[in-house]
Amino acid sequence: MGFTSKDYEKIEKLMEKGVDIPNPMTIHVGDEVDINNISGNNVKIYPGCRIYGEKTVISSGVRLGYEAPVTIDNCQLGAGVELKGGYFCKSIFLEKSNMGLGAHVREGCILEEEAGGAHCVGLKQTILFPFVTLGSLINFCDCFMAGGTSRHNHSEVGSSYIHFNFTPDGDKATASLIGDVPRGVMLNKPRIFLGGQGGIVGPVRIGFGNVVAAGSIIRKDYLEENKMIICKSLPNAVIDIHPHAYPSFVRILRNNILYIANLIALEEWYIHVRQVFLKDLEFGHLLYEGLLDKLLLAKKERIKRLKDLAENTKNTRPEFYNNFERLEAVFTEDRALREGIKERDTFLERMEKHRKGHDKSYIDFIKGLPEAVSCEGTMWLDIVVERICKKVSGILPSLKLF
């Protein structure tokens, strides 16, 4: 089928708005795309790009397809985002985040300000806090990463890195916390460095400030901070396989619970803090809705994978399997029932006092908070995480999770 006048109609309207499209006959914009959600201010779409999805948002200063064609499908792009080549679906990219040639970013990803990756990076259900940088030839699905304070002091993942997120038992209860939400949101923690040619066998937790030597495969938690971590290769061996044995079951379950609790803490942060700064931005309300939508996708994914784990262990861990519905209710309960409201309101009140007279961006404002105020914010989010974990412990007492 050739290029029709109907195809060209939306492209023509975009160019009338001011979108720079050097070769309009090579661009495809889906019928469902609302061009009112595409800025006409300094946006450039290079040849061969495809734009789909009724929820797609493109803010000012966005660059699409400089190195190779880009396909975006129901993504929200903040100001100055640059996607140089690849496929991007049901994910959100905040101001000045970026991805290089050959990127494959599937649903549920959040890249906050100035986070990004070089060429040939695969992501799905991945959350990167501001400034986090991924090298080339990386598969980094099902994980969260924070740490660092600027583009010159950022957490980094070396090239040829893998987050191993699928087990021999066929489950994906493997999401890893590299840093955490309560401390990570304050943008004042030491960066984390994962050396190239290495990997993580999820689910693990890694503390801030840690440096993992190149070639290391992480198989357990390293919660201490500011350490050099060097992991040796496993010795040669041939041993019997015991399907669904899960020798580290308690640790696996604990880390999954903590991951979901951190997602809930991040949701609280977005609702009560992020929203304040987004509302004045171009398409700010749509970016805010996009953030909450991606968190909802993330929670659903993690609960689904946890349910698969419960099914796999129903004969060996009946307490977990039989109480899964109660467990799920903890993660999906109404926000009004959540704990930490007093601590939240104390933090928000002090934050608002500091905000008066400060016309700063989100990043500059959060980095400029007095240490005492940042600590109060961390305390609030810690309480959200801890009390979710406490409720889970009450449902599964014999496992002694926390």
Protein backbone atom coordinates (compact mmCIF):
# COMPACT_ATOMS: atom_id res chain seq x y z
CA MET A 1 0.00 0.00 0.00
CA GLY A 2 1.41 3.39 -0.94
CA PHE A 3 1.49 6.64 0.97
CA THR A 4 -2.04 8.17 1.03
CA SER A 5 -3.34 11.68 1.55
CA LYS A 6 -4.85 10.51 4.86
CA ASP A 7 -1.39 9.41 6.05
CA TYR A 8 0.03 12.77 5.15
CA GLU A 9 -2.68 14.84 6.82
CA LYS A 10 -1.36 14.44 10.36
CA ILE A 11 2.24 14.89 9.27
CA GLU A 12 1.31 18.10 7.50
CA LYS A 13 -0.41 19.39 10.65
CA LEU A 14 2.68 18.54 12.71
CA MET A 15 4.87 20.50 10.34
CA GLU A 16 2.42 23.43 10.50
CA LYS A 17 2.86 23.33 14.30
CA GLY A 18 6.61 23.66 13.83
CA VAL A 19 7.80 20.05 14.08
CA ASP A 20 10.93 19.61 11.97
CA ILE A 21 10.42 16.60 9.67
CA PRO A 22 13.15 16.64 6.99
CA ASN A 23 11.62 13.84 4.91
CA PRO A 24 7.88 13.65 5.68
CA MET A 25 7.15 10.93 3.10
CA THR A 26 9.11 8.42 5.23
CA ILE A 27 7.24 9.05 8.51
CA HIS A 28 4.17 7.13 9.69
CA VAL A 29 1.84 8.50 12.38
CA GLY A 30 -0.98 6.22 13.54
CA ASP A 31 -4.60 7.27 13.23
CA GLU A 32 -4.96 6.94 17.00
CA VAL A 33 -2.18 9.45 17.79
CA ASP A 34 -3.41 12.76 19.22
CA ILE A 35 -1.19 15.40 17.63
CA ASN A 36 -2.34 17.88 20.27
CA ASN A 37 0.00 15.93 22.58
CA ILE A 38 2.99 16.55 20.30
CA SER A 39 4.82 19.83 20.86
CA GLY A 40 5.66 22.09 17.94
CA ASN A 41 8.60 23.60 19.80
CA ASN A 42 12.01 22.42 18.59
CA VAL A 43 10.92 18.81 17.96
CA LYS A 44 12.76 16.95 15.19
CA ILE A 45 11.72 13.62 13.68
CA TYR A 46 14.28 12.08 11.35
CA PRO A 47 13.45 9.83 8.35
CA GLY A 48 11.93 6.40 8.88
CA CYS A 49 10.29 7.00 12.27
CA ARG A 50 6.91 5.59 13.32
CA ILE A 51 4.70 7.11 16.00
CA TYR A 52 1.82 5.08 17.42
CA GLY A 53 -0.47 5.04 20.45
CA GLU A 54 -3.29 7.18 21.76
CA LYS A 55 -1.31 7.89 24.94
CA THR A 56 1.84 9.05 23.16
CA VAL A 57 3.24 12.40 24.32
CA ILE A 58 6.17 14.25 22.74
CA SER A 59 7.38 17.37 24.57
CA SER A 60 9.50 20.26 23.32
CA GLY A 61 13.08 19.64 22.26
CA VAL A 62 12.61 15.91 21.58
CA ARG A 63 14.82 14.27 18.93
CA LEU A 64 13.75 10.99 17.34
CA GLY A 65 15.82 8.79 15.05
CA TYR A 66 19.12 10.63 14.52
CA GLU A 67 21.14 7.38 14.27
CA ALA A 68 18.44 5.02 12.95
CA PRO A 69 14.63 4.89 12.64
CA VAL A 70 12.65 5.02 15.88
CA THR A 71 9.30 3.41 16.65
CA ILE A 72 7.42 4.72 19.68
CA ASP A 73 4.16 3.16 20.84
CA ASN A 74 2.25 4.73 23.72
CA CYS A 75 5.29 6.39 25.28
CA GLN A 76 5.47 9.71 27.09
CA LEU A 77 8.55 11.81 26.33
CA GLY A 78 9.53 14.80 28.46
CA ALA A 79 11.42 17.86 27.27
CA GLY A 80 14.74 17.33 25.52
CA VAL A 81 14.49 13.53 25.33
CA GLU A 82 16.62 11.95 22.61
CA LEU A 83 15.86 8.46 21.28
CA LYS A 84 18.47 7.83 18.62
CA GLY A 85 17.27 4.54 17.19
CA GLY A 86 15.16 1.53 18.17
CA TYR A 87 11.81 0.43 19.55
CA PHE A 88 10.09 1.99 22.57
CA CYS A 89 6.75 0.77 23.97
CA LYS A 90 4.57 1.76 26.96
CA SER A 91 7.40 3.50 28.76
CA ILE A 92 8.13 7.02 29.98
CA PHE A 93 11.22 9.17 29.53
CA LEU A 94 11.60 12.29 31.63
CA GLU A 95 13.57 15.42 30.76
CA LYS A 96 16.84 14.88 28.85
CA SER A 97 16.81 11.11 29.21
CA ASN A 98 18.20 9.32 26.18
CA MET A 99 18.84 5.99 24.43
CA GLY A 100 21.28 5.13 21.65
CA LEU A 101 21.07 3.12 18.45
CA GLY A 102 19.46 -0.32 18.61
CA ALA A 103 17.57 0.22 21.87
CA HIS A 104 14.70 -2.15 22.66
CA VAL A 105 12.64 -0.69 25.50
CA ARG A 106 9.46 -2.59 26.25
CA GLU A 107 6.57 -1.92 28.62
CA GLY A 108 6.80 -0.69 32.17
CA CYS A 109 10.03 1.31 31.98
CA ILE A 110 10.66 4.64 33.68
CA LEU A 111 13.76 6.65 32.82
CA GLU A 112 13.94 9.71 35.03
CA GLU A 113 15.85 12.89 34.20
CA GLU A 114 19.11 12.46 32.26
CA ALA A 115 19.11 8.67 32.64
CA GLY A 116 20.01 6.73 29.53
CA GLY A 117 21.96 4.14 27.65
CA ALA A 118 24.37 3.75 24.75
CA HIS A 119 23.77 1.42 21.78
CA CYS A 120 21.97 -1.94 21.86
CA VAL A 121 20.35 -1.77 25.30
CA GLY A 122 17.33 -3.93 26.16
CA LEU A 123 14.96 -2.89 28.95
CA LYS A 124 11.60 -4.07 30.25
CA GLN A 125 10.01 -3.29 33.61
CA THR A 126 13.13 -1.23 34.40
CA ILE A 127 13.26 1.92 36.54
CA LEU A 128 16.30 4.19 36.34
CA PHE A 129 16.56 7.18 38.65
CA PRO A 130 18.12 10.45 37.47
CA PHE A 131 21.56 10.31 35.85
CA VAL A 132 21.84 6.48 35.84
CA THR A 133 23.81 5.52 32.75
CA LEU A 134 23.96 2.19 30.93
CA GLY A 135 26.78 1.26 28.57
CA SER A 136 26.41 -0.74 25.35
CA LEU A 137 25.21 -4.29 24.67
CA ILE A 138 23.22 -4.55 27.88
CA ASN A 139 20.14 -6.51 28.94
CA PHE A 140 18.80 -4.90 32.09
CA CYS A 141 15.18 -5.99 32.49
CA ASP A 142 13.24 -6.27 35.77
CA CYS A 143 15.34 -4.07 38.00
CA PHE A 144 15.54 -0.71 39.73
CA MET A 145 18.68 1.42 39.97
CA ALA A 146 19.42 4.66 41.80
CA GLY A 147 22.49 6.51 43.09
CA GLY A 148 24.58 9.50 42.12
CA THR A 149 24.02 13.23 42.23
CA SER A 150 24.63 14.57 38.71
CA ARG A 151 25.67 13.75 35.15
CA HIS A 152 29.27 13.83 36.37
CA ASN A 153 28.61 11.66 39.42
CA HIS A 154 26.18 8.97 38.36
CA SER A 155 25.50 5.29 38.84
CA GLU A 156 26.71 3.29 35.86
CA VAL A 157 26.39 -0.16 34.34
CA GLY A 158 29.35 -1.28 32.23
CA SER A 159 29.00 -2.64 28.70
CA SER A 160 27.99 -6.26 28.07
CA TYR A 161 26.11 -6.48 31.38
CA ILE A 162 23.14 -8.77 32.01
CA HIS A 163 20.48 -8.87 34.68
CA PHE A 164 19.55 -12.57 34.61
CA ASN A 165 15.80 -12.49 35.17
CA PHE A 166 14.50 -15.92 34.14
CA THR A 167 15.11 -18.99 36.28
CA PRO A 168 15.48 -22.66 35.30
CA ASP A 169 12.16 -23.22 37.09
CA GLY A 170 10.47 -20.89 34.62
CA ASP A 171 9.63 -17.98 36.91
CA LYS A 172 10.60 -14.32 36.93
CA ALA A 173 10.38 -13.57 40.64
CA THR A 174 13.77 -12.01 40.10
CA ALA A 175 13.51 -8.20 40.29
CA SER A 176 16.61 -6.58 41.82
CA LEU A 177 16.98 -3.41 43.90
CA ILE A 178 20.21 -1.60 43.11
CA GLY A 179 19.93 1.15 45.70
CA ASP A 180 16.44 1.83 47.00
CA VAL A 181 13.60 4.35 46.73
CA PRO A 182 13.58 6.03 50.19
CA ARG A 183 17.21 7.13 49.89
CA GLY A 184 17.47 7.24 46.11
CA VAL A 185 14.79 9.90 45.59
CA MET A 186 16.83 12.41 47.58
CA LEU A 187 19.60 12.43 44.92
CA ASN A 188 22.33 12.65 47.55
CA LYS A 189 23.60 9.07 47.78
CA PRO A 190 26.92 7.73 46.42
CA ARG A 191 26.84 6.26 42.95
CA ILE A 192 26.84 2.52 42.28
CA PHE A 193 29.14 1.02 39.66
CA LEU A 194 28.52 -2.36 38.03
CA GLY A 195 31.62 -3.33 36.05
CA GLY A 196 31.28 -4.52 32.45
CA GLN A 197 31.21 -8.12 31.23
CA GLY A 198 29.32 -8.98 34.41
CA GLY A 199 25.83 -9.73 35.62
CA ILE A 200 23.30 -10.09 38.41
CA VAL A 201 21.32 -13.26 39.08
CA GLY A 202 18.13 -11.70 40.42
CA PRO A 203 16.63 -11.04 42.82
CA VAL A 204 19.41 -9.28 44.72
CA ARG A 205 19.88 -6.03 46.63
CA ILE A 206 22.97 -3.85 46.36
CA GLY A 207 23.79 -0.92 48.63
CA PHE A 208 24.77 2.60 47.57
CA GLY A 209 28.38 3.42 46.84
CA ASN A 210 29.36 -0.13 45.96
CA VAL A 211 31.72 -0.91 43.09
CA VAL A 212 31.40 -4.33 41.48
CA ALA A 213 34.54 -5.48 39.68
CA ALA A 214 34.31 -6.15 35.93
CA GLY A 215 33.44 -9.75 35.12
CA SER A 216 31.75 -10.41 38.45
CA ILE A 217 28.43 -12.27 38.59
CA ILE A 218 26.43 -11.17 41.64
CA ARG A 219 24.40 -14.02 43.19
CA LYS A 220 23.64 -12.69 46.68
CA ASP A 221 22.81 -9.43 48.46
CA TYR A 222 25.46 -6.83 49.27
CA LEU A 223 23.73 -4.36 51.58
CA GLU A 224 26.81 -2.70 53.04
CA GLU A 225 27.73 0.56 51.34
CA ASN A 226 30.95 1.85 49.76
CA LYS A 227 32.57 -1.54 49.23
CA MET A 228 34.52 -3.13 46.39
CA ILE A 229 32.82 -6.39 45.40
CA ILE A 230 34.80 -9.06 43.55
CA CYS A 231 33.07 -12.33 42.69
CA LYS A 232 34.92 -15.42 41.51
CA SER A 233 33.55 -17.79 38.88
CA LEU A 234 31.79 -20.91 40.09
CA PRO A 235 33.93 -24.08 40.16
CA ASN A 236 33.29 -26.76 37.56
CA ALA A 237 30.69 -29.28 38.76
CA VAL A 238 27.95 -31.65 37.66
CA ILE A 239 25.24 -32.06 40.30
CA ASP A 240 21.66 -33.30 40.49
CA ILE A 241 18.80 -30.92 39.71
CA HIS A 242 15.84 -30.67 42.09
CA PRO A 243 13.07 -28.72 40.33
CA HIS A 244 11.30 -26.06 42.38
CA ALA A 245 13.62 -26.64 45.34
CA TYR A 246 14.48 -22.94 45.81
CA PRO A 247 17.23 -23.35 48.42
CA SER A 248 17.25 -19.56 48.96
CA PHE A 249 13.47 -19.30 49.06
CA VAL A 250 13.18 -16.97 52.06
CA ARG A 251 15.70 -14.51 50.59
CA ILE A 252 13.96 -14.65 47.19
CA LEU A 253 10.56 -13.98 48.71
CA ARG A 254 11.94 -11.25 50.99
CA ASN A 255 13.53 -9.44 48.06
CA ASN A 256 10.33 -9.64 46.02
CA ILE A 257 8.31 -8.19 48.89
CA LEU A 258 10.83 -5.38 49.33
CA TYR A 259 10.78 -4.60 45.62
CA ILE A 260 7.01 -4.23 45.57
CA ALA A 261 7.10 -2.17 48.78
CA ASN A 262 9.63 0.15 47.13
CA LEU A 263 7.32 0.53 44.13
CA ILE A 264 4.53 1.56 46.49
CA ALA A 265 6.86 4.05 48.19
CA LEU A 266 7.75 5.47 44.76
CA GLU A 267 4.06 5.82 43.96
CA GLU A 268 3.61 7.85 47.15
CA TRP A 269 6.55 10.04 46.13
CA TYR A 270 5.12 10.63 42.66
CA ILE A 271 1.68 11.49 44.02
CA HIS A 272 2.77 13.87 46.77
CA VAL A 273 6.05 15.31 45.46
CA ARG A 274 6.56 14.75 41.74
CA GLN A 275 3.08 15.93 40.86
CA VAL A 276 3.79 19.37 42.32
CA PHE A 277 6.70 19.90 39.92
CA LEU A 278 5.11 18.28 36.87
CA LYS A 279 1.92 20.31 36.85
CA ASP A 280 3.60 23.42 35.43
CA LEU A 281 5.45 21.58 32.64
CA GLU A 282 4.27 21.20 29.08
CA PHE A 283 2.00 18.11 29.07
CA GLY A 284 2.81 17.80 32.77
CA HIS A 285 -0.50 16.16 33.67
CA LEU A 286 0.04 13.56 30.95
CA LEU A 287 3.58 12.85 32.15
CA TYR A 288 2.23 12.43 35.67
CA GLU A 289 -0.45 10.02 34.45
CA GLY A 290 2.25 8.17 32.52
CA LEU A 291 4.38 7.72 35.63
CA LEU A 292 1.49 6.29 37.62
CA ASP A 293 0.51 4.07 34.73
CA LYS A 294 4.02 2.59 34.49
CA LEU A 295 4.11 1.98 38.25
CA LEU A 296 0.78 0.18 37.98
CA LEU A 297 2.22 -1.99 35.21
CA ALA A 298 5.27 -2.66 37.37
CA LYS A 299 3.20 -3.69 40.41
CA LYS A 300 0.97 -5.96 38.33
CA GLU A 301 4.02 -7.60 36.79
CA ARG A 302 5.71 -8.24 40.12
CA ILE A 303 2.51 -9.61 41.71
CA LYS A 304 1.99 -11.88 38.70
CA ARG A 305 5.56 -13.20 38.97
CA LEU A 306 5.16 -13.70 42.72
CA LYS A 307 2.00 -15.68 42.04
CA ASP A 308 3.96 -17.91 39.65
CA LEU A 309 6.46 -18.53 42.46
CA ALA A 310 3.62 -19.45 44.81
CA GLU A 311 2.32 -21.93 42.26
CA ASN A 312 5.77 -23.47 41.84
CA THR A 313 6.15 -23.94 45.60
CA LYS A 314 2.62 -24.87 46.59
CA ASN A 315 3.72 -28.33 47.74
CA THR A 316 6.86 -27.24 49.56
CA ARG A 317 5.70 -23.84 50.89
CA PRO A 318 1.95 -24.24 51.50
CA GLU A 319 1.76 -21.26 53.89
CA PHE A 320 2.87 -18.95 51.07
CA TYR A 321 0.60 -20.55 48.47
CA ASN A 322 -2.50 -20.71 50.69
CA ASN A 323 -2.18 -17.08 51.80
CA PHE A 324 -1.34 -15.53 48.46
CA GLU A 325 -4.67 -13.68 48.12
CA ARG A 326 -4.14 -12.04 51.51
CA LEU A 327 -0.62 -11.12 50.45
CA GLU A 328 -1.85 -9.58 47.22
CA ALA A 329 -4.39 -7.51 49.14
CA VAL A 330 -1.57 -5.84 51.08
CA PHE A 331 -0.04 -4.63 47.81
CA THR A 332 -3.29 -3.43 46.27
CA GLU A 333 -5.03 -1.90 49.29
CA ASP A 334 -6.55 1.55 48.99
CA ARG A 335 -4.00 4.32 49.41
CA ALA A 336 -6.10 5.88 52.17
CA LEU A 337 -5.30 2.86 54.35
CA ARG A 338 -1.55 3.24 54.08
CA GLU A 339 0.72 4.09 56.96
CA GLY A 340 3.18 6.94 57.39
CA ILE A 341 0.66 9.75 56.91
CA LYS A 342 1.89 11.78 59.89
CA GLU A 343 5.52 11.54 58.75
CA ARG A 344 4.51 12.33 55.18
CA ASP A 345 2.65 15.48 56.15
CA THR A 346 5.55 16.67 58.30
CA PHE A 347 7.95 16.28 55.38
CA LEU A 348 5.60 17.91 52.87
CA GLU A 349 5.03 20.88 55.16
CA ARG A 350 8.77 21.48 55.57
CA MET A 351 9.38 20.91 51.88
CA GLU A 352 6.73 23.47 50.96
CA LYS A 353 8.26 26.05 53.29
CA HIS A 354 11.62 25.53 51.63
CA ARG A 355 10.01 25.76 48.20
CA LYS A 356 8.57 29.24 48.77
CA GLY A 357 10.66 31.73 46.89
CA HIS A 358 12.62 29.00 45.10
CA ASP A 359 11.82 28.81 41.41
CA LYS A 360 13.84 25.67 40.74
CA SER A 361 13.44 22.54 38.68
CA TYR A 362 12.61 19.27 40.42
CA ILE A 363 16.24 18.09 40.31
CA ASP A 364 17.73 21.34 41.62
CA PHE A 365 15.11 21.65 44.34
CA ILE A 366 15.48 18.10 45.68
CA LYS A 367 19.28 18.35 45.63
CA GLY A 368 19.02 21.66 47.49
CA LEU A 369 16.88 20.41 50.37
CA PRO A 370 18.48 20.76 53.80
CA GLU A 371 19.79 17.46 55.08
CA ALA A 372 17.26 17.40 57.91
CA VAL A 373 14.36 17.72 55.46
CA SER A 374 15.77 15.01 53.18
CA CYS A 375 16.07 12.72 56.20
CA GLU A 376 12.43 13.33 57.06
CA GLY A 377 11.41 12.40 53.52
CA THR A 378 13.45 9.21 53.70
CA MET A 379 11.90 8.41 57.09
CA TRP A 380 8.40 8.73 55.60
CA LEU A 381 9.16 6.42 52.68
CA ASP A 382 11.01 3.97 54.93
CA ILE A 383 7.88 3.71 57.06
CA VAL A 384 5.80 2.94 53.95
CA VAL A 385 8.19 0.12 53.05
CA GLU A 386 8.60 -1.21 56.58
CA ARG A 387 4.93 -1.36 57.41
CA ILE A 388 4.12 -3.22 54.20
CA CYS A 389 6.83 -5.71 55.14
CA LYS A 390 5.40 -5.96 58.65
CA LYS A 391 1.93 -6.78 57.29
CA VAL A 392 3.41 -9.48 55.07
CA SER A 393 5.27 -10.95 58.06
CA GLY A 394 1.98 -11.17 59.91
CA ILE A 395 0.49 -13.21 57.07
CA LEU A 396 3.51 -15.53 56.77
CA PRO A 397 4.83 -15.76 60.35
CA SER A 398 6.64 -19.09 60.07
CA LEU A 399 8.96 -17.80 57.29
CA LYS A 400 10.42 -15.06 59.50
CA LEU A 401 10.91 -12.80 56.50
CA PHE A 402 11.70 -9.54 58.32
